[in-house]
mmCIF file of all heavy atoms, coordinates in Angstrom:
data_MODEL
# 
_entry.id   MODEL 
# 
loop_
_atom_site.group_PDB 
_atom_site.id 
_atom_site.type_symbol 
_atom_site.label_atom_id 
_atom_site.label_alt_id 
_atom_site.label_comp_id 
_atom_site.label_asym_id 
_atom_site.label_entity_id 
_atom_site.label_seq_id 
_atom_site.pdbx_PDB_ins_code 
_atom_site.Cartn_x 
_atom_site.Cartn_y 
_atom_site.Cartn_z 
_atom_site.occupancy 
_atom_site.B_iso_or_equiv 
_atom_site.pdbx_formal_charge 
_atom_site.auth_seq_id 
_atom_site.auth_comp_id 
_atom_site.auth_asym_id 
_atom_site.auth_atom_id 
_atom_site.pdbx_PDB_model_num 
ATOM 1   N N   . ALA A 1 1  ? 1.034   -10.292 3.672   1.00 0.00 ? 1  ALA A N   1 
ATOM 2   C CA  . ALA A 1 1  ? 1.759   -9.052  3.438   1.00 0.00 ? 1  ALA A CA  1 
ATOM 3   C C   . ALA A 1 1  ? 0.996   -7.900  4.121   1.00 0.00 ? 1  ALA A C   1 
ATOM 4   O O   . ALA A 1 1  ? -0.238  -7.856  4.138   1.00 0.00 ? 1  ALA A O   1 
ATOM 5   C CB  . ALA A 1 1  ? 1.883   -8.769  1.952   1.00 0.00 ? 1  ALA A CB  1 
ATOM 6   N N   . GLU A 1 2  ? 1.742   -6.983  4.714   1.00 0.00 ? 2  GLU A N   1 
ATOM 7   C CA  . GLU A 1 2  ? 1.156   -5.876  5.460   1.00 0.00 ? 2  GLU A CA  1 
ATOM 8   C C   . GLU A 1 2  ? 0.508   -4.858  4.556   1.00 0.00 ? 2  GLU A C   1 
ATOM 9   O O   . GLU A 1 2  ? 1.068   -4.438  3.563   1.00 0.00 ? 2  GLU A O   1 
ATOM 10  C CB  . GLU A 1 2  ? 2.217   -5.183  6.306   1.00 0.00 ? 2  GLU A CB  1 
ATOM 11  C CG  . GLU A 1 2  ? 2.733   -6.006  7.454   1.00 0.00 ? 2  GLU A CG  1 
ATOM 12  C CD  . GLU A 1 2  ? 1.713   -6.208  8.552   1.00 0.00 ? 2  GLU A CD  1 
ATOM 13  O OE1 . GLU A 1 2  ? 0.829   -5.348  8.743   1.00 0.00 ? 2  GLU A OE1 1 
ATOM 14  O OE2 . GLU A 1 2  ? 1.800   -7.220  9.242   1.00 0.00 ? 2  GLU A OE2 1 
ATOM 15  N N   . ALA A 1 3  ? -0.708  -4.499  4.921   1.00 0.00 ? 3  ALA A N   1 
ATOM 16  C CA  . ALA A 1 3  ? -1.421  -3.423  4.247   1.00 0.00 ? 3  ALA A CA  1 
ATOM 17  C C   . ALA A 1 3  ? -1.954  -2.495  5.336   1.00 0.00 ? 3  ALA A C   1 
ATOM 18  O O   . ALA A 1 3  ? -2.106  -2.902  6.486   1.00 0.00 ? 3  ALA A O   1 
ATOM 19  C CB  . ALA A 1 3  ? -2.573  -3.964  3.405   1.00 0.00 ? 3  ALA A CB  1 
ATOM 20  N N   . VAL A 1 4  ? -2.178  -1.257  4.970   1.00 0.00 ? 4  VAL A N   1 
ATOM 21  C CA  . VAL A 1 4  ? -2.671  -0.284  5.912   1.00 0.00 ? 4  VAL A CA  1 
ATOM 22  C C   . VAL A 1 4  ? -3.848  0.465   5.273   1.00 0.00 ? 4  VAL A C   1 
ATOM 23  O O   . VAL A 1 4  ? -3.856  0.685   4.061   1.00 0.00 ? 4  VAL A O   1 
ATOM 24  C CB  . VAL A 1 4  ? -1.548  0.688   6.346   1.00 0.00 ? 4  VAL A CB  1 
ATOM 25  C CG1 . VAL A 1 4  ? -1.021  1.502   5.189   1.00 0.00 ? 4  VAL A CG1 1 
ATOM 26  C CG2 . VAL A 1 4  ? -1.991  1.572   7.487   1.00 0.00 ? 4  VAL A CG2 1 
ATOM 27  N N   . ASP A 1 5  ? -4.831  0.805   6.091   1.00 0.00 ? 5  ASP A N   1 
ATOM 28  C CA  . ASP A 1 5  ? -5.984  1.543   5.598   1.00 0.00 ? 5  ASP A CA  1 
ATOM 29  C C   . ASP A 1 5  ? -5.747  3.040   5.793   1.00 0.00 ? 5  ASP A C   1 
ATOM 30  O O   . ASP A 1 5  ? -5.395  3.463   6.899   1.00 0.00 ? 5  ASP A O   1 
ATOM 31  C CB  . ASP A 1 5  ? -7.238  1.128   6.357   1.00 0.00 ? 5  ASP A CB  1 
ATOM 32  C CG  . ASP A 1 5  ? -8.477  1.818   5.816   1.00 0.00 ? 5  ASP A CG  1 
ATOM 33  O OD1 . ASP A 1 5  ? -8.777  2.920   6.285   1.00 0.00 ? 5  ASP A OD1 1 
ATOM 34  O OD2 . ASP A 1 5  ? -9.127  1.250   4.921   1.00 0.00 ? 5  ASP A OD2 1 
ATOM 35  N N   . VAL A 1 6  ? -5.893  3.806   4.740   1.00 0.00 ? 6  VAL A N   1 
ATOM 36  C CA  . VAL A 1 6  ? -5.787  5.259   4.797   1.00 0.00 ? 6  VAL A CA  1 
ATOM 37  C C   . VAL A 1 6  ? -7.072  5.832   4.215   1.00 0.00 ? 6  VAL A C   1 
ATOM 38  O O   . VAL A 1 6  ? -7.332  5.712   3.031   1.00 0.00 ? 6  VAL A O   1 
ATOM 39  C CB  . VAL A 1 6  ? -4.555  5.786   4.030   1.00 0.00 ? 6  VAL A CB  1 
ATOM 40  C CG1 . VAL A 1 6  ? -4.492  7.314   4.101   1.00 0.00 ? 6  VAL A CG1 1 
ATOM 41  C CG2 . VAL A 1 6  ? -3.279  5.176   4.568   1.00 0.00 ? 6  VAL A CG2 1 
ATOM 42  N N   . ASN A 1 7  ? -7.905  6.360   5.093   1.00 0.00 ? 7  ASN A N   1 
ATOM 43  C CA  . ASN A 1 7  ? -9.181  6.969   4.692   1.00 0.00 ? 7  ASN A CA  1 
ATOM 44  C C   . ASN A 1 7  ? -10.042 6.076   3.802   1.00 0.00 ? 7  ASN A C   1 
ATOM 45  O O   . ASN A 1 7  ? -10.564 6.513   2.782   1.00 0.00 ? 7  ASN A O   1 
ATOM 46  C CB  . ASN A 1 7  ? -8.940  8.324   4.039   1.00 0.00 ? 7  ASN A CB  1 
ATOM 47  C CG  . ASN A 1 7  ? -8.445  9.359   5.026   1.00 0.00 ? 7  ASN A CG  1 
ATOM 48  O OD1 . ASN A 1 7  ? -8.347  9.094   6.221   1.00 0.00 ? 7  ASN A OD1 1 
ATOM 49  N ND2 . ASN A 1 7  ? -8.128  10.536  4.557   1.00 0.00 ? 7  ASN A ND2 1 
ATOM 50  N N   . GLY A 1 8  ? -10.140 4.800   4.191   1.00 0.00 ? 8  GLY A N   1 
ATOM 51  C CA  . GLY A 1 8  ? -11.013 3.890   3.482   1.00 0.00 ? 8  GLY A CA  1 
ATOM 52  C C   . GLY A 1 8  ? -10.402 3.191   2.283   1.00 0.00 ? 8  GLY A C   1 
ATOM 53  O O   . GLY A 1 8  ? -11.094 2.472   1.566   1.00 0.00 ? 8  GLY A O   1 
ATOM 54  N N   . VAL A 1 9  ? -9.115  3.364   2.059   1.00 0.00 ? 9  VAL A N   1 
ATOM 55  C CA  . VAL A 1 9  ? -8.414  2.661   0.962   1.00 0.00 ? 9  VAL A CA  1 
ATOM 56  C C   . VAL A 1 9  ? -7.276  1.861   1.577   1.00 0.00 ? 9  VAL A C   1 
ATOM 57  O O   . VAL A 1 9  ? -6.466  2.381   2.324   1.00 0.00 ? 9  VAL A O   1 
ATOM 58  C CB  . VAL A 1 9  ? -7.859  3.664   -0.090  1.00 0.00 ? 9  VAL A CB  1 
ATOM 59  C CG1 . VAL A 1 9  ? -7.100  2.905   -1.180  1.00 0.00 ? 9  VAL A CG1 1 
ATOM 60  C CG2 . VAL A 1 9  ? -8.977  4.504   -0.683  1.00 0.00 ? 9  VAL A CG2 1 
ATOM 61  N N   . SER A 1 10 ? -7.236  0.559   1.251   1.00 0.00 ? 10 SER A N   1 
ATOM 62  C CA  . SER A 1 10 ? -6.194  -0.332  1.743   1.00 0.00 ? 10 SER A CA  1 
ATOM 63  C C   . SER A 1 10 ? -5.002  -0.282  0.782   1.00 0.00 ? 10 SER A C   1 
ATOM 64  O O   . SER A 1 10 ? -5.168  -0.387  -0.428  1.00 0.00 ? 10 SER A O   1 
ATOM 65  C CB  . SER A 1 10 ? -6.741  -1.766  1.834   1.00 0.00 ? 10 SER A CB  1 
ATOM 66  O OG  . SER A 1 10 ? -5.726  -2.645  2.237   1.00 0.00 ? 10 SER A OG  1 
ATOM 67  N N   . TRP A 1 11 ? -3.801  -0.110  1.351   1.00 0.00 ? 11 TRP A N   1 
ATOM 68  C CA  . TRP A 1 11 ? -2.574  -0.008  0.557   1.00 0.00 ? 11 TRP A CA  1 
ATOM 69  C C   . TRP A 1 11 ? -1.538  -1.019  1.034   1.00 0.00 ? 11 TRP A C   1 
ATOM 70  O O   . TRP A 1 11 ? -1.256  -1.101  2.231   1.00 0.00 ? 11 TRP A O   1 
ATOM 71  C CB  . TRP A 1 11 ? -1.952  1.384   0.691   1.00 0.00 ? 11 TRP A CB  1 
ATOM 72  C CG  . TRP A 1 11 ? -2.808  2.516   0.228   1.00 0.00 ? 11 TRP A CG  1 
ATOM 73  C CD1 . TRP A 1 11 ? -3.724  3.207   0.975   1.00 0.00 ? 11 TRP A CD1 1 
ATOM 74  C CD2 . TRP A 1 11 ? -2.835  3.090   -1.066  1.00 0.00 ? 11 TRP A CD2 1 
ATOM 75  N NE1 . TRP A 1 11 ? -4.312  4.183   0.203   1.00 0.00 ? 11 TRP A NE1 1 
ATOM 76  C CE2 . TRP A 1 11 ? -3.782  4.158   -1.050  1.00 0.00 ? 11 TRP A CE2 1 
ATOM 77  C CE3 . TRP A 1 11 ? -2.148  2.843   -2.262  1.00 0.00 ? 11 TRP A CE3 1 
ATOM 78  C CZ2 . TRP A 1 11 ? -4.066  4.933   -2.167  1.00 0.00 ? 11 TRP A CZ2 1 
ATOM 79  C CZ3 . TRP A 1 11 ? -2.420  3.619   -3.371  1.00 0.00 ? 11 TRP A CZ3 1 
ATOM 80  C CH2 . TRP A 1 11 ? -3.360  4.638   -3.319  1.00 0.00 ? 11 TRP A CH2 1 
ATOM 81  N N   . LEU A 1 12 ? -0.948  -1.762  0.112   1.00 0.00 ? 12 LEU A N   1 
ATOM 82  C CA  . LEU A 1 12 ? 0.202   -2.611  0.370   1.00 0.00 ? 12 LEU A CA  1 
ATOM 83  C C   . LEU A 1 12 ? 1.420   -1.691  0.394   1.00 0.00 ? 12 LEU A C   1 
ATOM 84  O O   . LEU A 1 12 ? 1.561   -0.841  -0.484  1.00 0.00 ? 12 LEU A O   1 
ATOM 85  C CB  . LEU A 1 12 ? 0.355   -3.644  -0.733  1.00 0.00 ? 12 LEU A CB  1 
ATOM 86  C CG  . LEU A 1 12 ? 1.650   -4.466  -0.759  1.00 0.00 ? 12 LEU A CG  1 
ATOM 87  C CD1 . LEU A 1 12 ? 1.678   -5.448  0.397   1.00 0.00 ? 12 LEU A CD1 1 
ATOM 88  C CD2 . LEU A 1 12 ? 1.784   -5.191  -2.097  1.00 0.00 ? 12 LEU A CD2 1 
ATOM 89  N N   . LEU A 1 13 ? 2.295   -1.821  1.387   1.00 0.00 ? 13 LEU A N   1 
ATOM 90  C CA  . LEU A 1 13 ? 3.477   -0.981  1.488   1.00 0.00 ? 13 LEU A CA  1 
ATOM 91  C C   . LEU A 1 13 ? 4.723   -1.774  1.158   1.00 0.00 ? 13 LEU A C   1 
ATOM 92  O O   . LEU A 1 13 ? 4.915   -2.883  1.692   1.00 0.00 ? 13 LEU A O   1 
ATOM 93  C CB  . LEU A 1 13 ? 3.614   -0.438  2.905   1.00 0.00 ? 13 LEU A CB  1 
ATOM 94  C CG  . LEU A 1 13 ? 2.555   0.552   3.331   1.00 0.00 ? 13 LEU A CG  1 
ATOM 95  C CD1 . LEU A 1 13 ? 1.340   -0.140  3.907   1.00 0.00 ? 13 LEU A CD1 1 
ATOM 96  C CD2 . LEU A 1 13 ? 3.126   1.519   4.341   1.00 0.00 ? 13 LEU A CD2 1 
ATOM 97  N N   . GLU A 1 14 ? 5.562   -1.226  0.280   1.00 0.00 ? 14 GLU A N   1 
ATOM 98  C CA  . GLU A 1 14 ? 6.826   -1.882  -0.083  1.00 0.00 ? 14 GLU A CA  1 
ATOM 99  C C   . GLU A 1 14 ? 7.933   -0.829  -0.078  1.00 0.00 ? 14 GLU A C   1 
ATOM 100 O O   . GLU A 1 14 ? 7.836   0.168   -0.760  1.00 0.00 ? 14 GLU A O   1 
ATOM 101 C CB  . GLU A 1 14 ? 6.711   -2.512  -1.462  1.00 0.00 ? 14 GLU A CB  1 
ATOM 102 C CG  . GLU A 1 14 ? 5.656   -3.604  -1.562  1.00 0.00 ? 14 GLU A CG  1 
ATOM 103 C CD  . GLU A 1 14 ? 5.482   -4.101  -2.968  1.00 0.00 ? 14 GLU A CD  1 
ATOM 104 O OE1 . GLU A 1 14 ? 4.806   -3.423  -3.767  1.00 0.00 ? 14 GLU A OE1 1 
ATOM 105 O OE2 . GLU A 1 14 ? 6.044   -5.157  -3.276  1.00 0.00 ? 14 GLU A OE2 1 
ATOM 106 N N   . LYS A 1 15 ? 9.006   -1.087  0.687   1.00 0.00 ? 15 LYS A N   1 
ATOM 107 C CA  . LYS A 1 15 ? 10.164  -0.222  0.710   1.00 0.00 ? 15 LYS A CA  1 
ATOM 108 C C   . LYS A 1 15 ? 10.922  -0.409  -0.594  1.00 0.00 ? 15 LYS A C   1 
ATOM 109 O O   . LYS A 1 15 ? 11.137  -1.528  -1.037  1.00 0.00 ? 15 LYS A O   1 
ATOM 110 C CB  . LYS A 1 15 ? 11.065  -0.537  1.904   1.00 0.00 ? 15 LYS A CB  1 
ATOM 111 C CG  . LYS A 1 15 ? 12.363  0.238   1.947   1.00 0.00 ? 15 LYS A CG  1 
ATOM 112 C CD  . LYS A 1 15 ? 12.154  1.721   2.108   1.00 0.00 ? 15 LYS A CD  1 
ATOM 113 C CE  . LYS A 1 15 ? 13.498  2.432   2.215   1.00 0.00 ? 15 LYS A CE  1 
ATOM 114 N NZ  . LYS A 1 15 ? 13.630  3.557   1.318   1.00 0.00 ? 15 LYS A NZ  1 
ATOM 115 N N   . GLN A 1 16 ? 11.305  0.697   -1.211  1.00 0.00 ? 16 GLN A N   1 
ATOM 116 C CA  . GLN A 1 16 ? 12.093  0.679   -2.439  1.00 0.00 ? 16 GLN A CA  1 
ATOM 117 C C   . GLN A 1 16 ? 13.463  1.271   -2.117  1.00 0.00 ? 16 GLN A C   1 
ATOM 118 O O   . GLN A 1 16 ? 13.666  1.867   -1.067  1.00 0.00 ? 16 GLN A O   1 
ATOM 119 C CB  . GLN A 1 16 ? 11.402  1.520   -3.500  1.00 0.00 ? 16 GLN A CB  1 
ATOM 120 C CG  . GLN A 1 16 ? 9.951   1.152   -3.747  1.00 0.00 ? 16 GLN A CG  1 
ATOM 121 C CD  . GLN A 1 16 ? 9.811   -0.247  -4.289  1.00 0.00 ? 16 GLN A CD  1 
ATOM 122 O OE1 . GLN A 1 16 ? 10.161  -0.520  -5.421  1.00 0.00 ? 16 GLN A OE1 1 
ATOM 123 N NE2 . GLN A 1 16 ? 9.303   -1.152  -3.463  1.00 0.00 ? 16 GLN A NE2 1 
ATOM 124 N N   . GLY A 1 17 ? 14.388  1.180   -3.047  1.00 0.00 ? 17 GLY A N   1 
ATOM 125 C CA  . GLY A 1 17 ? 15.728  1.726   -2.833  1.00 0.00 ? 17 GLY A CA  1 
ATOM 126 C C   . GLY A 1 17 ? 15.719  3.227   -2.618  1.00 0.00 ? 17 GLY A C   1 
ATOM 127 O O   . GLY A 1 17 ? 16.527  3.746   -1.857  1.00 0.00 ? 17 GLY A O   1 
ATOM 128 N N   . ASP A 1 18 ? 14.794  3.927   -3.236  1.00 0.00 ? 18 ASP A N   1 
ATOM 129 C CA  . ASP A 1 18 ? 14.788  5.391   -3.149  1.00 0.00 ? 18 ASP A CA  1 
ATOM 130 C C   . ASP A 1 18 ? 13.434  5.947   -2.691  1.00 0.00 ? 18 ASP A C   1 
ATOM 131 O O   . ASP A 1 18 ? 13.079  7.070   -2.994  1.00 0.00 ? 18 ASP A O   1 
ATOM 132 C CB  . ASP A 1 18 ? 15.176  5.998   -4.497  1.00 0.00 ? 18 ASP A CB  1 
ATOM 133 C CG  . ASP A 1 18 ? 14.372  5.451   -5.672  1.00 0.00 ? 18 ASP A CG  1 
ATOM 134 O OD1 . ASP A 1 18 ? 13.533  4.553   -5.459  1.00 0.00 ? 18 ASP A OD1 1 
ATOM 135 O OD2 . ASP A 1 18 ? 14.583  5.915   -6.795  1.00 0.00 ? 18 ASP A OD2 1 
ATOM 136 N N   . GLY A 1 19 ? 12.687  5.132   -1.949  1.00 0.00 ? 19 GLY A N   1 
ATOM 137 C CA  . GLY A 1 19 ? 11.412  5.586   -1.451  1.00 0.00 ? 19 GLY A CA  1 
ATOM 138 C C   . GLY A 1 19 ? 10.506  4.428   -1.110  1.00 0.00 ? 19 GLY A C   1 
ATOM 139 O O   . GLY A 1 19 ? 10.970  3.359   -0.694  1.00 0.00 ? 19 GLY A O   1 
ATOM 140 N N   . TYR A 1 20 ? 9.216   4.635   -1.314  1.00 0.00 ? 20 TYR A N   1 
ATOM 141 C CA  . TYR A 1 20 ? 8.211   3.623   -0.980  1.00 0.00 ? 20 TYR A CA  1 
ATOM 142 C C   . TYR A 1 20 ? 7.229   3.490   -2.128  1.00 0.00 ? 20 TYR A C   1 
ATOM 143 O O   . TYR A 1 20 ? 6.922   4.441   -2.833  1.00 0.00 ? 20 TYR A O   1 
ATOM 144 C CB  . TYR A 1 20 ? 7.426   4.037   0.278   1.00 0.00 ? 20 TYR A CB  1 
ATOM 145 C CG  . TYR A 1 20 ? 8.332   4.100   1.486   1.00 0.00 ? 20 TYR A CG  1 
ATOM 146 C CD1 . TYR A 1 20 ? 9.009   5.269   1.806   1.00 0.00 ? 20 TYR A CD1 1 
ATOM 147 C CD2 . TYR A 1 20 ? 8.550   2.987   2.271   1.00 0.00 ? 20 TYR A CD2 1 
ATOM 148 C CE1 . TYR A 1 20 ? 9.867   5.316   2.893   1.00 0.00 ? 20 TYR A CE1 1 
ATOM 149 C CE2 . TYR A 1 20 ? 9.405   3.025   3.357   1.00 0.00 ? 20 TYR A CE2 1 
ATOM 150 C CZ  . TYR A 1 20 ? 10.050  4.199   3.662   1.00 0.00 ? 20 TYR A CZ  1 
ATOM 151 O OH  . TYR A 1 20 ? 10.905  4.245   4.731   1.00 0.00 ? 20 TYR A OH  1 
ATOM 152 N N   . ARG A 1 21 ? 6.727   2.258   -2.279  1.00 0.00 ? 21 ARG A N   1 
ATOM 153 C CA  . ARG A 1 21 ? 5.662   1.996   -3.243  1.00 0.00 ? 21 ARG A CA  1 
ATOM 154 C C   . ARG A 1 21 ? 4.453   1.541   -2.437  1.00 0.00 ? 21 ARG A C   1 
ATOM 155 O O   . ARG A 1 21 ? 4.552   0.682   -1.570  1.00 0.00 ? 21 ARG A O   1 
ATOM 156 C CB  . ARG A 1 21 ? 6.070   0.915   -4.226  1.00 0.00 ? 21 ARG A CB  1 
ATOM 157 C CG  . ARG A 1 21 ? 4.932   0.560   -5.191  1.00 0.00 ? 21 ARG A CG  1 
ATOM 158 C CD  . ARG A 1 21 ? 5.330   -0.369  -6.307  1.00 0.00 ? 21 ARG A CD  1 
ATOM 159 N NE  . ARG A 1 21 ? 6.043   -1.530  -5.817  1.00 0.00 ? 21 ARG A NE  1 
ATOM 160 C CZ  . ARG A 1 21 ? 6.916   -2.210  -6.537  1.00 0.00 ? 21 ARG A CZ  1 
ATOM 161 N NH1 . ARG A 1 21 ? 7.196   -1.842  -7.789  1.00 0.00 ? 21 ARG A NH1 1 
ATOM 162 N NH2 . ARG A 1 21 ? 7.524   -3.270  -6.030  1.00 0.00 ? 21 ARG A NH2 1 
ATOM 163 N N   . PHE A 1 22 ? 3.321   2.145   -2.744  1.00 0.00 ? 22 PHE A N   1 
ATOM 164 C CA  . PHE A 1 22 ? 2.039   1.801   -2.110  1.00 0.00 ? 22 PHE A CA  1 
ATOM 165 C C   . PHE A 1 22 ? 1.117   1.349   -3.235  1.00 0.00 ? 22 PHE A C   1 
ATOM 166 O O   . PHE A 1 22 ? 0.960   2.056   -4.232  1.00 0.00 ? 22 PHE A O   1 
ATOM 167 C CB  . PHE A 1 22 ? 1.440   3.048   -1.433  1.00 0.00 ? 22 PHE A CB  1 
ATOM 168 C CG  . PHE A 1 22 ? 2.325   3.652   -0.384  1.00 0.00 ? 22 PHE A CG  1 
ATOM 169 C CD1 . PHE A 1 22 ? 3.205   4.669   -0.704  1.00 0.00 ? 22 PHE A CD1 1 
ATOM 170 C CD2 . PHE A 1 22 ? 2.268   3.209   0.928   1.00 0.00 ? 22 PHE A CD2 1 
ATOM 171 C CE1 . PHE A 1 22 ? 4.008   5.249   0.258   1.00 0.00 ? 22 PHE A CE1 1 
ATOM 172 C CE2 . PHE A 1 22 ? 3.080   3.778   1.908   1.00 0.00 ? 22 PHE A CE2 1 
ATOM 173 C CZ  . PHE A 1 22 ? 3.955   4.793   1.558   1.00 0.00 ? 22 PHE A CZ  1 
ATOM 174 N N   . THR A 1 23 ? 0.504   0.176   -3.095  1.00 0.00 ? 23 THR A N   1 
ATOM 175 C CA  . THR A 1 23 ? -0.401  -0.353  -4.117  1.00 0.00 ? 23 THR A CA  1 
ATOM 176 C C   . THR A 1 23 ? -1.726  -0.710  -3.454  1.00 0.00 ? 23 THR A C   1 
ATOM 177 O O   . THR A 1 23 ? -1.734  -1.378  -2.428  1.00 0.00 ? 23 THR A O   1 
ATOM 178 C CB  . THR A 1 23 ? 0.189   -1.600  -4.808  1.00 0.00 ? 23 THR A CB  1 
ATOM 179 O OG1 . THR A 1 23 ? 1.521   -1.296  -5.252  1.00 0.00 ? 23 THR A OG1 1 
ATOM 180 C CG2 . THR A 1 23 ? -0.657  -2.014  -6.006  1.00 0.00 ? 23 THR A CG2 1 
ATOM 181 N N   . THR A 1 24 ? -2.810  -0.269  -4.068  1.00 0.00 ? 24 THR A N   1 
ATOM 182 C CA  . THR A 1 24 ? -4.120  -0.574  -3.498  1.00 0.00 ? 24 THR A CA  1 
ATOM 183 C C   . THR A 1 24 ? -4.341  -2.067  -3.459  1.00 0.00 ? 24 THR A C   1 
ATOM 184 O O   . THR A 1 24 ? -3.842  -2.819  -4.277  1.00 0.00 ? 24 THR A O   1 
ATOM 185 C CB  . THR A 1 24 ? -5.261  0.097   -4.304  1.00 0.00 ? 24 THR A CB  1 
ATOM 186 O OG1 . THR A 1 24 ? -5.204  -0.350  -5.657  1.00 0.00 ? 24 THR A OG1 1 
ATOM 187 C CG2 . THR A 1 24 ? -5.204  1.604   -4.222  1.00 0.00 ? 24 THR A CG2 1 
ATOM 188 N N   . THR A 1 25 ? -5.124  -2.482  -2.467  1.00 0.00 ? 25 THR A N   1 
ATOM 189 C CA  . THR A 1 25 ? -5.548  -3.874  -2.353  1.00 0.00 ? 25 THR A CA  1 
ATOM 190 C C   . THR A 1 25 ? -7.078  -3.876  -2.267  1.00 0.00 ? 25 THR A C   1 
ATOM 191 O O   . THR A 1 25 ? -7.684  -2.894  -1.838  1.00 0.00 ? 25 THR A O   1 
ATOM 192 C CB  . THR A 1 25 ? -4.957  -4.571  -1.137  1.00 0.00 ? 25 THR A CB  1 
ATOM 193 O OG1 . THR A 1 25 ? -5.469  -3.969  0.054   1.00 0.00 ? 25 THR A OG1 1 
ATOM 194 C CG2 . THR A 1 25 ? -3.439  -4.498  -1.125  1.00 0.00 ? 25 THR A CG2 1 
ATOM 195 N N   . GLY A 1 26 ? -7.697  -4.963  -2.700  1.00 0.00 ? 26 GLY A N   1 
ATOM 196 C CA  . GLY A 1 26 ? -9.123  -5.094  -2.598  1.00 0.00 ? 26 GLY A CA  1 
ATOM 197 C C   . GLY A 1 26 ? -9.916  -4.161  -3.499  1.00 0.00 ? 26 GLY A C   1 
ATOM 198 O O   . GLY A 1 26 ? -11.080 -3.878  -3.244  1.00 0.00 ? 26 GLY A O   1 
ATOM 199 N N   . ARG A 1 27 ? -9.306  -3.690  -4.577  1.00 0.00 ? 27 ARG A N   1 
ATOM 200 C CA  . ARG A 1 27 ? -9.977  -2.804  -5.543  1.00 0.00 ? 27 ARG A CA  1 
ATOM 201 C C   . ARG A 1 27 ? -10.027 -3.523  -6.880  1.00 0.00 ? 27 ARG A C   1 
ATOM 202 O O   . ARG A 1 27 ? -9.251  -4.417  -7.163  1.00 0.00 ? 27 ARG A O   1 
ATOM 203 C CB  . ARG A 1 27 ? -9.232  -1.478  -5.686  1.00 0.00 ? 27 ARG A CB  1 
ATOM 204 C CG  . ARG A 1 27 ? -9.135  -0.696  -4.394  1.00 0.00 ? 27 ARG A CG  1 
ATOM 205 C CD  . ARG A 1 27 ? -10.177 0.345   -4.316  1.00 0.00 ? 27 ARG A CD  1 
ATOM 206 N NE  . ARG A 1 27 ? -10.440 0.723   -2.927  1.00 0.00 ? 27 ARG A NE  1 
ATOM 207 C CZ  . ARG A 1 27 ? -11.506 1.335   -2.545  1.00 0.00 ? 27 ARG A CZ  1 
ATOM 208 N NH1 . ARG A 1 27 ? -12.440 1.676   -3.422  1.00 0.00 ? 27 ARG A NH1 1 
ATOM 209 N NH2 . ARG A 1 27 ? -11.711 1.630   -1.283  1.00 0.00 ? 27 ARG A NH2 1 
ATOM 210 N N   . ARG A 1 28 ? -10.933 -3.102  -7.751  1.00 0.00 ? 28 ARG A N   1 
ATOM 211 C CA  . ARG A 1 28 ? -11.108 -3.755  -9.060  1.00 0.00 ? 28 ARG A CA  1 
ATOM 212 C C   . ARG A 1 28 ? -9.997  -3.424  -10.046 1.00 0.00 ? 28 ARG A C   1 
ATOM 213 O O   . ARG A 1 28 ? -9.904  -4.063  -11.084 1.00 0.00 ? 28 ARG A O   1 
ATOM 214 C CB  . ARG A 1 28 ? -12.467 -3.401  -9.639  1.00 0.00 ? 28 ARG A CB  1 
ATOM 215 C CG  . ARG A 1 28 ? -13.580 -4.014  -8.817  1.00 0.00 ? 28 ARG A CG  1 
ATOM 216 C CD  . ARG A 1 28 ? -14.915 -3.801  -9.439  1.00 0.00 ? 28 ARG A CD  1 
ATOM 217 N NE  . ARG A 1 28 ? -15.934 -4.353  -8.563  1.00 0.00 ? 28 ARG A NE  1 
ATOM 218 C CZ  . ARG A 1 28 ? -17.211 -4.134  -8.712  1.00 0.00 ? 28 ARG A CZ  1 
ATOM 219 N NH1 . ARG A 1 28 ? -17.660 -3.386  -9.706  1.00 0.00 ? 28 ARG A NH1 1 
ATOM 220 N NH2 . ARG A 1 28 ? -18.063 -4.663  -7.864  1.00 0.00 ? 28 ARG A NH2 1 
# 
């Protein structure tokens, strides 16, 4: 699954019906 790094935090990106959900990856 695609994740992107934004200023040192990795986020999983998921398109939603009315926007986007971003969830951290690799964090406790």
